PDB file of N, CA and C in Angstrom:
ATOM      1  N   MET A   1      14.608  -2.718-142.573  1.00  0.00           N
ATOM      2  CA  MET A   1      13.972  -2.025-141.478  1.00  0.00           C
ATOM      3  C   MET A   1      15.021  -1.731-140.401  1.00  0.00           C
ATOM      4  N   ALA A   2      16.035  -2.570-140.311  1.00  0.00           N
ATOM      5  CA  ALA A   2      17.077  -2.357-139.318  1.00  0.00           C
ATOM      6  C   ALA A   2      17.870  -1.075-139.614  1.00  0.00           C
ATOM      7  N   PHE A   3      17.858  -0.625-140.862  1.00  0.00           N
ATOM      8  CA  PHE A   3      18.569   0.571-141.238  1.00  0.00           C
ATOM      9  C   PHE A   3      17.658   1.772-141.418  1.00  0.00           C
ATOM     10  N   GLY A   4      16.437   1.683-140.909  1.00  0.00           N
ATOM     11  CA  GLY A   4      15.520   2.817-140.920  1.00  0.00           C
ATOM     12  C   GLY A   4      14.591   2.878-142.114  1.00  0.00           C
ATOM     13  N   ALA A   5      14.541   1.873-142.960  1.00  0.00           N
ATOM     14  CA  ALA A   5      13.609   1.880-144.090  1.00  0.00           C
ATOM     15  C   ALA A   5      12.189   1.682-143.555  1.00  0.00           C
ATOM     16  N   GLY A   6      11.250   2.352-144.175  1.00  0.00           N
ATOM     17  CA  GLY A   6       9.856   2.193-143.807  1.00  0.00           C
ATOM     18  C   GLY A   6       9.321   0.853-144.284  1.00  0.00           C
ATOM     19  N   PRO A   7       8.086   0.524-143.886  1.00  0.00           N
ATOM     20  CA  PRO A   7       7.505  -0.783-144.256  1.00  0.00           C
ATOM     21  C   PRO A   7       7.357  -0.978-145.761  1.00  0.00           C
ATOM     22  N   VAL A   8       6.953   0.072-146.465  1.00  0.00           N
ATOM     23  CA  VAL A   8       6.768  -0.060-147.931  1.00  0.00           C
ATOM     24  C   VAL A   8       8.109  -0.274-148.610  1.00  0.00           C
ATOM     25  N   ALA A   9       9.108   0.548-148.233  1.00  0.00           N
ATOM     26  CA  ALA A   9      10.441   0.416-148.825  1.00  0.00           C
ATOM     27  C   ALA A   9      11.053  -0.941-148.501  1.00  0.00           C
ATOM     28  N   ALA A  10      10.880  -1.400-147.286  1.00  0.00           N
ATOM     29  CA  ALA A  10      11.430  -2.701-146.893  1.00  0.00           C
ATOM     30  C   ALA A  10      10.757  -3.840-147.672  1.00  0.00           C
ATOM     31  N   THR A  11       9.460  -3.734-147.882  1.00  0.00           N
ATOM     32  CA  THR A  11       8.746  -4.763-148.628  1.00  0.00           C
ATOM     33  C   THR A  11       9.211  -4.783-150.078  1.00  0.00           C
ATOM     34  N   LEU A  12       9.321  -3.611-150.701  1.00  0.00           N
ATOM     35  CA  LEU A  12       9.756  -3.545-152.107  1.00  0.00           C
ATOM     36  C   LEU A  12      11.202  -4.007-152.250  1.00  0.00           C
ATOM     37  N   LEU A  13      12.063  -3.652-151.313  1.00  0.00           N
ATOM     38  CA  LEU A  13      13.452  -4.114-151.371  1.00  0.00           C
ATOM     39  C   LEU A  13      13.526  -5.629-151.184  1.00  0.00           C
ATOM     40  N   GLY A  14      12.693  -6.175-150.324  1.00  0.00           N
ATOM     41  CA  GLY A  14      12.656  -7.629-150.142  1.00  0.00           C
ATOM     42  C   GLY A  14      12.224  -8.331-151.423  1.00  0.00           C
ATOM     43  N   MET A  15      11.215  -7.789-152.101  1.00  0.00           N
ATOM     44  CA  MET A  15      10.760  -8.371-153.361  1.00  0.00           C
ATOM     45  C   MET A  15      11.855  -8.268-154.419  1.00  0.00           C
ATOM     46  N   LEU A  16      12.493  -7.112-154.527  1.00  0.00           N
ATOM     47  CA  LEU A  16      13.535  -6.922-155.515  1.00  0.00           C
ATOM     48  C   LEU A  16      14.712  -7.847-155.262  1.00  0.00           C
ATOM     49  N   THR A  17      15.059  -8.051-154.012  1.00  0.00           N
ATOM     50  CA  THR A  17      16.141  -8.964-153.675  1.00  0.00           C
ATOM     51  C   THR A  17      15.769 -10.400-154.079  1.00  0.00           C
ATOM     52  N   ALA A  18      14.512 -10.763-153.880  1.00  0.00           N
ATOM     53  CA  ALA A  18      14.078 -12.128-154.190  1.00  0.00           C
ATOM     54  C   ALA A  18      14.051 -12.385-155.694  1.00  0.00           C
ATOM     55  N   ILE A  19      13.689 -11.403-156.495  1.00  0.00           N
ATOM     56  CA  ILE A  19      13.563 -11.644-157.941  1.00  0.00           C
ATOM     57  C   ILE A  19      14.806 -11.208-158.721  1.00  0.00           C
ATOM     58  N   GLY A  20      15.708 -10.481-158.073  1.00  0.00           N
ATOM     59  CA  GLY A  20      16.868  -9.930-158.785  1.00  0.00           C
ATOM     60  C   GLY A  20      17.770 -10.994-159.383  1.00  0.00           C
ATOM     61  N   GLY A  21      18.050 -12.051-158.653  1.00  0.00           N
ATOM     62  CA  GLY A  21      18.904 -13.110-159.175  1.00  0.00           C
ATOM     63  C   GLY A  21      18.329 -13.779-160.395  1.00  0.00           C
ATOM     64  N   GLY A  22      17.025 -14.021-160.376  1.00  0.00           N
ATOM     65  CA  GLY A  22      16.374 -14.639-161.533  1.00  0.00           C
ATOM     66  C   GLY A  22      16.372 -13.730-162.744  1.00  0.00           C
ATOM     67  N   ILE A  23      16.205 -12.428-162.511  1.00  0.00           N
ATOM     68  CA  ILE A  23      16.258 -11.476-163.615  1.00  0.00           C
ATOM     69  C   ILE A  23      17.654 -11.478-164.241  1.00  0.00           C
ATOM     70  N   MET A  24      18.688 -11.424-163.424  1.00  0.00           N
ATOM     71  CA  MET A  24      20.051 -11.438-163.931  1.00  0.00           C
ATOM     72  C   MET A  24      20.355 -12.717-164.696  1.00  0.00           C
ATOM     73  N   ARG A  25      19.912 -13.860-164.169  1.00  0.00           N
ATOM     74  CA  ARG A  25      20.118 -15.138-164.847  1.00  0.00           C
ATOM     75  C   ARG A  25      19.480 -15.120-166.238  1.00  0.00           C
ATOM     76  N   ASP A  26      18.223 -14.675-166.308  1.00  0.00           N
ATOM     77  CA  ASP A  26      17.518 -14.668-167.580  1.00  0.00           C
ATOM     78  C   ASP A  26      18.161 -13.690-168.578  1.00  0.00           C
ATOM     79  N   ILE A  27      18.622 -12.549-168.098  1.00  0.00           N
ATOM     80  CA  ILE A  27      19.282 -11.584-168.984  1.00  0.00           C
ATOM     81  C   ILE A  27      20.595 -12.164-169.508  1.00  0.00           C
ATOM     82  N   LEU A  28      21.351 -12.829-168.641  1.00  0.00           N
ATOM     83  CA  LEU A  28      22.633 -13.389-169.064  1.00  0.00           C
ATOM     84  C   LEU A  28      22.478 -14.501-170.099  1.00  0.00           C
ATOM     85  N   VAL A  29      21.398 -15.255-170.040  1.00  0.00           N
ATOM     86  CA  VAL A  29      21.166 -16.298-171.046  1.00  0.00           C
ATOM     87  C   VAL A  29      20.265 -15.797-172.183  1.00  0.00           C
ATOM     88  N   MET A  30      20.056 -14.494-172.221  1.00  0.00           N
ATOM     89  CA  MET A  30      19.341 -13.807-173.303  1.00  0.00           C
ATOM     90  C   MET A  30      17.897 -14.305-173.460  1.00  0.00           C
ATOM     91  N   GLU A  31      17.204 -14.435-172.330  1.00  0.00           N
ATOM     92  CA  GLU A  31      15.781 -14.783-172.342  1.00  0.00           C
ATOM     93  C   GLU A  31      14.992 -13.622-171.733  1.00  0.00           C
ATOM     94  N   ILE A  32      13.706 -13.609-172.012  1.00  0.00           N
ATOM     95  CA  ILE A  32      12.838 -12.624-171.369  1.00  0.00           C
ATOM     96  C   ILE A  32      12.745 -13.019-169.895  1.00  0.00           C
ATOM     97  N   PRO A  33      13.010 -12.090-168.967  1.00  0.00           N
ATOM     98  CA  PRO A  33      12.937 -12.443-167.542  1.00  0.00           C
ATOM     99  C   PRO A  33      11.579 -13.033-167.187  1.00  0.00           C
ATOM    100  N   SER A  34      11.602 -14.107-166.401  1.00  0.00           N
ATOM    101  CA  SER A  34      10.354 -14.787-166.047  1.00  0.00           C
ATOM    102  C   SER A  34       9.411 -13.891-165.264  1.00  0.00           C
ATOM    103  N   VAL A  35       9.965 -12.894-164.593  1.00  0.00           N
ATOM    104  CA  VAL A  35       9.109 -11.979-163.822  1.00  0.00           C
ATOM    105  C   VAL A  35       8.266 -11.117-164.770  1.00  0.00           C
ATOM    106  N   LEU A  36       8.693 -10.973-166.018  1.00  0.00           N
ATOM    107  CA  LEU A  36       7.936 -10.166-166.983  1.00  0.00           C
ATOM    108  C   LEU A  36       6.935 -10.985-167.777  1.00  0.00           C
ATOM    109  N   ARG A  37       6.913 -12.292-167.522  1.00  0.00           N
ATOM    110  CA  ARG A  37       5.918 -13.130-168.184  1.00  0.00           C
ATOM    111  C   ARG A  37       4.722 -13.276-167.258  1.00  0.00           C
ATOM    112  N   THR A  38       3.856 -14.212-167.561  1.00  0.00           N
ATOM    113  CA  THR A  38       2.590 -14.327-166.816  1.00  0.00           C
ATOM    114  C   THR A  38       2.712 -15.118-165.523  1.00  0.00           C
ATOM    115  N   GLU A  39       3.894 -15.666-165.213  1.00  0.00           N
ATOM    116  CA  GLU A  39       4.029 -16.486-164.024  1.00  0.00           C
ATOM    117  C   GLU A  39       3.829 -15.665-162.748  1.00  0.00           C
ATOM    118  N   LEU A  40       3.250 -16.319-161.755  1.00  0.00           N
ATOM    119  CA  LEU A  40       3.033 -15.687-160.452  1.00  0.00           C
ATOM    120  C   LEU A  40       4.326 -15.806-159.666  1.00  0.00           C
ATOM    121  N   TYR A  41       5.270 -14.904-159.934  1.00  0.00           N
ATOM    122  CA  TYR A  41       6.616 -15.002-159.400  1.00  0.00           C
ATOM    123  C   TYR A  41       6.899 -13.818-158.491  1.00  0.00           C
ATOM    124  N   ALA A  42       6.774 -12.624-159.018  1.00  0.00           N
ATOM    125  CA  ALA A  42       7.028 -11.417-158.220  1.00  0.00           C
ATOM    126  C   ALA A  42       5.946 -11.213-157.170  1.00  0.00           C
ATOM    127  N   VAL A  43       4.719 -11.598-157.471  1.00  0.00           N
ATOM    128  CA  VAL A  43       3.644 -11.438-156.502  1.00  0.00           C
ATOM    129  C   VAL A  43       3.888 -12.332-155.268  1.00  0.00           C
ATOM    130  N   ALA A  44       4.372 -13.529-155.501  1.00  0.00           N
ATOM    131  CA  ALA A  44       4.689 -14.418-154.386  1.00  0.00           C
ATOM    132  C   ALA A  44       5.820 -13.830-153.549  1.00  0.00           C
ATOM    133  N   ALA A  45       6.839 -13.267-154.224  1.00  0.00           N
ATOM    134  CA  ALA A  45       7.954 -12.643-153.506  1.00  0.00           C
ATOM    135  C   ALA A  45       7.471 -11.416-152.720  1.00  0.00           C
ATOM    136  N   LEU A  46       6.598 -10.637-153.309  1.00  0.00           N
ATOM    137  CA  LEU A  46       6.074  -9.458-152.636  1.00  0.00           C
ATOM    138  C   LEU A  46       5.259  -9.857-151.408  1.00  0.00           C
ATOM    139  N   THR A  47       4.465 -10.909-151.538  1.00  0.00           N
ATOM    140  CA  THR A  47       3.659 -11.392-150.404  1.00  0.00           C
ATOM    141  C   THR A  47       4.540 -11.901-149.280  1.00  0.00           C
ATOM    142  N   GLY A  48       5.577 -12.658-149.630  1.00  0.00           N
ATOM    143  CA  GLY A  48       6.495 -13.155-148.609  1.00  0.00           C
ATOM    144  C   GLY A  48       7.229 -12.020-147.910  1.00  0.00           C
ATOM    145  N   ALA A  49       7.678 -11.027-148.676  1.00  0.00           N
ATOM    146  CA  ALA A  49       8.373  -9.873-148.082  1.00  0.00           C
ATOM    147  C   ALA A  49       7.435  -9.088-147.183  1.00  0.00           C
ATOM    148  N   ALA A  50       6.186  -8.946-147.606  1.00  0.00           N
ATOM    149  CA  ALA A  50       5.210  -8.226-146.779  1.00  0.00           C
ATOM    150  C   ALA A  50       4.953  -8.966-145.464  1.00  0.00           C
ATOM    151  N   MET A  51       4.972 -10.288-145.519  1.00  0.00           N
ATOM    152  CA  MET A  51       4.779 -11.074-144.306  1.00  0.00           C
ATOM    153  C   MET A  51       5.953 -10.878-143.334  1.00  0.00           C
ATOM    154  N   VAL A  52       7.153 -10.825-143.874  1.00  0.00           N
ATOM    155  CA  VAL A  52       8.329 -10.592-143.016  1.00  0.00           C
ATOM    156  C   VAL A  52       8.252  -9.213-142.372  1.00  0.00           C
ATOM    157  N   VAL A  53       7.896  -8.200-143.157  1.00  0.00           N
ATOM    158  CA  VAL A  53       7.775  -6.852-142.615  1.00  0.00           C
ATOM    159  C   VAL A  53       6.657  -6.788-141.562  1.00  0.00           C
ATOM    160  N   LEU A  54       5.535  -7.421-141.847  1.00  0.00           N
ATOM    161  CA  LEU A  54       4.440  -7.437-140.873  1.00  0.00           C
ATOM    162  C   LEU A  54       4.858  -8.134-139.583  1.00  0.00           C
ATOM    163  N   GLY A  55       5.583  -9.233-139.720  1.00  0.00           N
ATOM    164  CA  GLY A  55       6.073  -9.922-138.531  1.00  0.00           C
ATOM    165  C   GLY A  55       7.018  -9.055-137.711  1.00  0.00           C
ATOM    166  N   ARG A  56       7.876  -8.300-138.385  1.00  0.00           N
ATOM    167  CA  ARG A  56       8.789  -7.411-137.673  1.00  0.00           C
ATOM    168  C   ARG A  56       8.016  -6.283-136.982  1.00  0.00           C
ATOM    169  N   MET A  57       6.965  -5.778-137.660  1.00  0.00           N
ATOM    170  CA  MET A  57       6.157  -4.707-137.056  1.00  0.00           C
ATOM    171  C   MET A  57       5.382  -5.213-135.843  1.00  0.00           C
ATOM    172  N   LEU A  58       5.047  -6.498-135.841  1.00  0.00           N
ATOM    173  CA  LEU A  58       4.332  -7.087-134.714  1.00  0.00           C
ATOM    174  C   LEU A  58       5.306  -7.604-133.643  1.00  0.00           C
ATOM    175  N   HIS A  59       6.592  -7.296-133.816  1.00  0.00           N
ATOM    176  CA  HIS A  59       7.643  -7.647-132.850  1.00  0.00           C
ATOM    177  C   HIS A  59       7.809  -9.150-132.673  1.00  0.00           C
ATOM    178  N   LEU A  60       7.603  -9.897-133.755  1.00  0.00           N
ATOM    179  CA  LEU A  60       7.906 -11.325-133.731  1.00  0.00           C
ATOM    180  C   LEU A  60       9.419 -11.495-133.767  1.00  0.00           C
ATOM    181  N   PRO A  61       9.927 -12.586-133.269  1.00  0.00           N
ATOM    182  CA  PRO A  61      11.379 -12.834-133.400  1.00  0.00           C
ATOM    183  C   PRO A  61      11.758 -12.880-134.885  1.00  0.00           C
ATOM    184  N   PRO A  62      12.880 -12.309-135.272  1.00  0.00           N
ATOM    185  CA  PRO A  62      13.271 -12.281-136.696  1.00  0.00           C
ATOM    186  C   PRO A  62      13.266 -13.656-137.382  1.00  0.00           C
ATOM    187  N   PRO A  63      13.733 -14.744-136.730  1.00  0.00           N
ATOM    188  CA  PRO A  63      13.647 -16.034-137.426  1.00  0.00           C
ATOM    189  C   PRO A  63      12.198 -16.449-137.699  1.00  0.00           C
ATOM    190  N   ALA A  64      11.294 -16.196-136.786  1.00  0.00           N
ATOM    191  CA  ALA A  64       9.884 -16.560-136.987  1.00  0.00           C
ATOM    192  C   ALA A  64       9.277 -15.753-138.126  1.00  0.00           C
ATOM    193  N   ALA A  65       9.598 -14.458-138.202  1.00  0.00           N
ATOM    194  CA  ALA A  65       9.085 -13.612-139.278  1.00  0.00           C
ATOM    195  C   ALA A  65       9.639 -14.089-140.627  1.00  0.00           C
ATOM    196  N   ALA A  66      10.922 -14.421-140.660  1.00  0.00           N
ATOM    197  CA  ALA A  66      11.545 -14.860-141.920  1.00  0.00           C
ATOM    198  C   ALA A  66      10.990 -16.208-142.364  1.00  0.00           C
ATOM    199  N   ILE A  67      10.823 -17.130-141.433  1.00  0.00           N
ATOM    200  CA  ILE A  67      10.302 -18.449-141.796  1.00  0.00           C
ATOM    201  C   ILE A  67       8.852 -18.344-142.270  1.00  0.00           C
ATOM    202  N   SER A  68       8.050 -17.534-141.603  1.00  0.00           N
ATOM    203  CA  SER A  68       6.652 -17.397-142.022  1.00  0.00           C
ATOM    204  C   SER A  68       6.562 -16.768-143.406  1.00  0.00           C
ATOM    205  N   GLY A  69       7.410 -15.780-143.684  1.00  0.00           N
ATOM    206  CA  GLY A  69       7.419 -15.169-145.023  1.00  0.00           C
ATOM    207  C   GLY A  69       7.856 -16.135-146.092  1.00  0.00           C
ATOM    208  N   ALA A  70       8.876 -16.939-145.794  1.00  0.00           N
ATOM    209  CA  ALA A  70       9.359 -17.921-146.759  1.00  0.00           C
ATOM    210  C   ALA A  70       8.325 -18.999-147.025  1.00  0.00           C
ATOM    211  N   VAL A  71       7.654 -19.460-145.980  1.00  0.00           N
ATOM    212  CA  VAL A  71       6.624 -20.477-146.148  1.00  0.00           C
ATOM    213  C   VAL A  71       5.465 -19.931-146.974  1.00  0.00           C
ATOM    214  N   LEU A  72       5.033 -18.709-146.704  1.00  0.00           N
ATOM    215  CA  LEU A  72       3.940 -18.117-147.472  1.00  0.00           C
ATOM    216  C   LEU A  72       4.334 -17.941-148.934  1.00  0.00           C
ATOM    217  N   CYS A  73       5.522 -17.449-149.175  1.00  0.00           N
ATOM    218  CA  CYS A  73       6.008 -17.252-150.549  1.00  0.00           C
ATOM    219  C   CYS A  73       6.050 -18.593-151.286  1.00  0.00           C
ATOM    220  N   PHE A  74       6.644 -19.605-150.669  1.00  0.00           N
ATOM    221  CA  PHE A  74       6.741 -20.919-151.293  1.00  0.00           C
ATOM    222  C   PHE A  74       5.352 -21.501-151.550  1.00  0.00           C
ATOM    223  N   ALA A  75       4.462 -21.402-150.566  1.00  0.00           N
ATOM    224  CA  ALA A  75       3.121 -21.982-150.717  1.00  0.00           C
ATOM    225  C   ALA A  75       2.349 -21.309-151.866  1.00  0.00           C
ATOM    226  N   LEU A  76       2.458 -19.994-151.953  1.00  0.00           N
ATOM    227  CA  LEU A  76       1.759 -19.281-153.022  1.00  0.00           C
ATOM    228  C   LEU A  76       2.327 -19.652-154.393  1.00  0.00           C
ATOM    229  N   ARG A  77       3.642 -19.677-154.503  1.00  0.00           N
ATOM    230  CA  ARG A  77       4.280 -20.019-155.780  1.00  0.00           C
ATOM    231  C   ARG A  77       3.996 -21.466-156.155  1.00  0.00           C
ATOM    232  N   PHE A  78       4.091 -22.380-155.214  1.00  0.00           N
ATOM    233  CA  PHE A  78       3.836 -23.798-155.474  1.00  0.00           C
ATOM    234  C   PHE A  78       2.382 -24.019-155.901  1.00  0.00           C
ATOM    235  N   THR A  79       1.456 -23.386-155.175  1.00  0.00           N
ATOM    236  CA  THR A  79       0.043 -23.524-155.525  1.00  0.00           C
ATOM    237  C   THR A  79      -0.242 -22.953-156.903  1.00  0.00           C
ATOM    238  N   ALA A  80       0.379 -21.819-157.227  1.00  0.00           N
ATOM    239  CA  ALA A  80       0.170 -21.216-158.539  1.00  0.00           C
ATOM    240  C   ALA A  80       0.697 -22.136-159.651  1.00  0.00           C
ATOM    241  N   MET A  81       1.821 -22.777-159.416  1.00  0.00           N
ATOM    242  CA  MET A  81       2.353 -23.699-160.414  1.00  0.00           C
ATOM    243  C   MET A  81       1.477 -24.927-160.574  1.00  0.00           C
ATOM    244  N   ARG A  82       1.017 -25.479-159.469  1.00  0.00           N
ATOM    245  CA  ARG A  82       0.182 -26.696-159.511  1.00  0.00           C
ATOM    246  C   ARG A  82      -1.178 -26.448-160.143  1.00  0.00           C
ATOM    247  N   ARG A  83      -1.751 -25.273-159.871  1.00  0.00           N
ATOM    248  CA  ARG A  83      -3.101 -24.969-160.376  1.00  0.00           C
ATOM    249  C   ARG A  83      -3.094 -24.190-161.679  1.00  0.00           C
ATOM    250  N   GLY A  84      -1.925 -23.806-162.144  1.00  0.00           N
ATOM    251  CA  GLY A  84      -1.833 -23.072-163.405  1.00  0.00           C
ATOM    252  C   GLY A  84      -2.277 -21.614-163.308  1.00  0.00           C
ATOM    253  N   TRP A  85      -2.174 -21.043-162.126  1.00  0.00           N
ATOM    254  CA  TRP A  85      -2.539 -19.640-161.985  1.00  0.00           C
ATOM    255  C   TRP A  85      -1.523 -18.777-162.718  1.00  0.00           C
ATOM    256  N   GLN A  86      -2.021 -17.782-163.437  1.00  0.00           N
ATOM    257  CA  GLN A  86      -1.154 -16.853-164.142  1.00  0.00           C
ATOM    258  C   GLN A  86      -1.694 -15.439-163.996  1.00  0.00           C
ATOM    259  N   LEU A  87      -0.812 -14.496-164.146  1.00  0.00           N
ATOM    260  CA  LEU A  87      -1.222 -13.096-164.101  1.00  0.00           C
ATOM    261  C   LEU A  87      -1.767 -12.689-165.455  1.00  0.00           C
ATOM    262  N   PRO A  88      -2.676 -11.714-165.487  1.00  0.00           N
ATOM    263  CA  PRO A  88      -3.172 -11.246-166.781  1.00  0.00           C
ATOM    264  C   PRO A  88      -2.072 -10.474-167.530  1.00  0.00           C
ATOM    265  N   THR A  89      -2.149 -10.546-168.845  1.00  0.00           N
ATOM    266  CA  THR A  89      -1.194  -9.812-169.668  1.00  0.00           C
ATOM    267  C   THR A  89      -1.960  -8.822-170.535  1.00  0.00           C
ATOM    268  N   ALA A  90      -1.259  -7.771-170.904  1.00  0.00           N
ATOM    269  CA  ALA A  90      -1.873  -6.774-171.768  1.00  0.00           C
ATOM    270  C   ALA A  90      -1.800  -7.268-173.200  1.00  0.00           C
ATOM    271  N   GLY A  91      -2.894  -7.187-173.886  1.00  0.00           N
ATOM    272  CA  GLY A  91      -2.937  -7.562-175.298  1.00  0.00           C
ATOM    273  C   GLY A  91      -2.865  -6.325-176.177  1.00  0.00           C
ATOM    274  N   PRO A  92      -2.825  -6.525-177.462  1.00  0.00           N
ATOM    275  CA  PRO A  92      -2.804  -5.361-178.361  1.00  0.00           C
ATOM    276  C   PRO A  92      -4.104  -4.582-178.237  1.00  0.00           C
ATOM    277  N   PRO A  93      -4.061  -3.281-178.431  1.00  0.00           N
ATOM    278  CA  PRO A  93      -5.301  -2.500-178.340  1.00  0.00           C
ATOM    279  C   PRO A  93      -6.314  -2.957-179.398  1.00  0.00           C
ATOM    280  N   GLN A  94      -7.569  -2.962-178.980  1.00  0.00           N
ATOM    281  CA  GLN A  94      -8.609  -3.397-179.906  1.00  0.00           C
ATOM    282  C   GLN A  94      -9.001  -2.219-180.790  1.00  0.00           C
ATOM    283  N   GLN A  95      -9.226  -2.549-182.056  1.00  0.00           N
ATOM    284  CA  GLN A  95      -9.607  -1.528-183.024  1.00  0.00           C
ATOM    285  C   GLN A  95     -11.122  -1.313-182.949  1.00  0.00           C
ATOM    286  N   SER A  96     -11.508  -0.071-182.950  1.00  0.00           N
ATOM    287  CA  SER A  96     -12.943   0.213-182.952  1.00  0.00           C
ATOM    288  C   SER A  96     -13.498  -0.005-184.352  1.00  0.00           C
ATOM    289  N   GLY A  97     -14.704  -0.532-184.428  1.00  0.00           N
ATOM    290  CA  GLY A  97     -15.322  -0.810-185.741  1.00  0.00           C
ATOM    291  C   GLY A  97     -15.822   0.478-186.391  1.00  0.00           C
ATOM    292  N   GLU A  98     -15.142   0.895-187.434  1.00  0.00           N
ATOM    293  CA  GLU A  98     -15.549   2.140-188.149  1.00  0.00           C
ATOM    294  C   GLU A  98     -16.223   1.821-189.429  1.00  0.00           C
TER     295      GLU A  98
END
């Protein structure tokens, strides 16, 4: 946002920055990136980034916006891991009974 990015672009860039390292790690060790599996990983990063952008739009001090986004992201990811929350996955198309 400091360089003129809009709220949507800033949120998406924040999410991509948060998950990019994990994607690169998984690719380098030849695994399917965890963001492409059912784990609630990118959604937590997107929520945290959105909180930071919202805080900046509400003119909160940058450290307060960053801390609130990090806490929200951590809390969502931790809760998802503890409760076993997962994202839905697409299955094979169902065959119609002919």
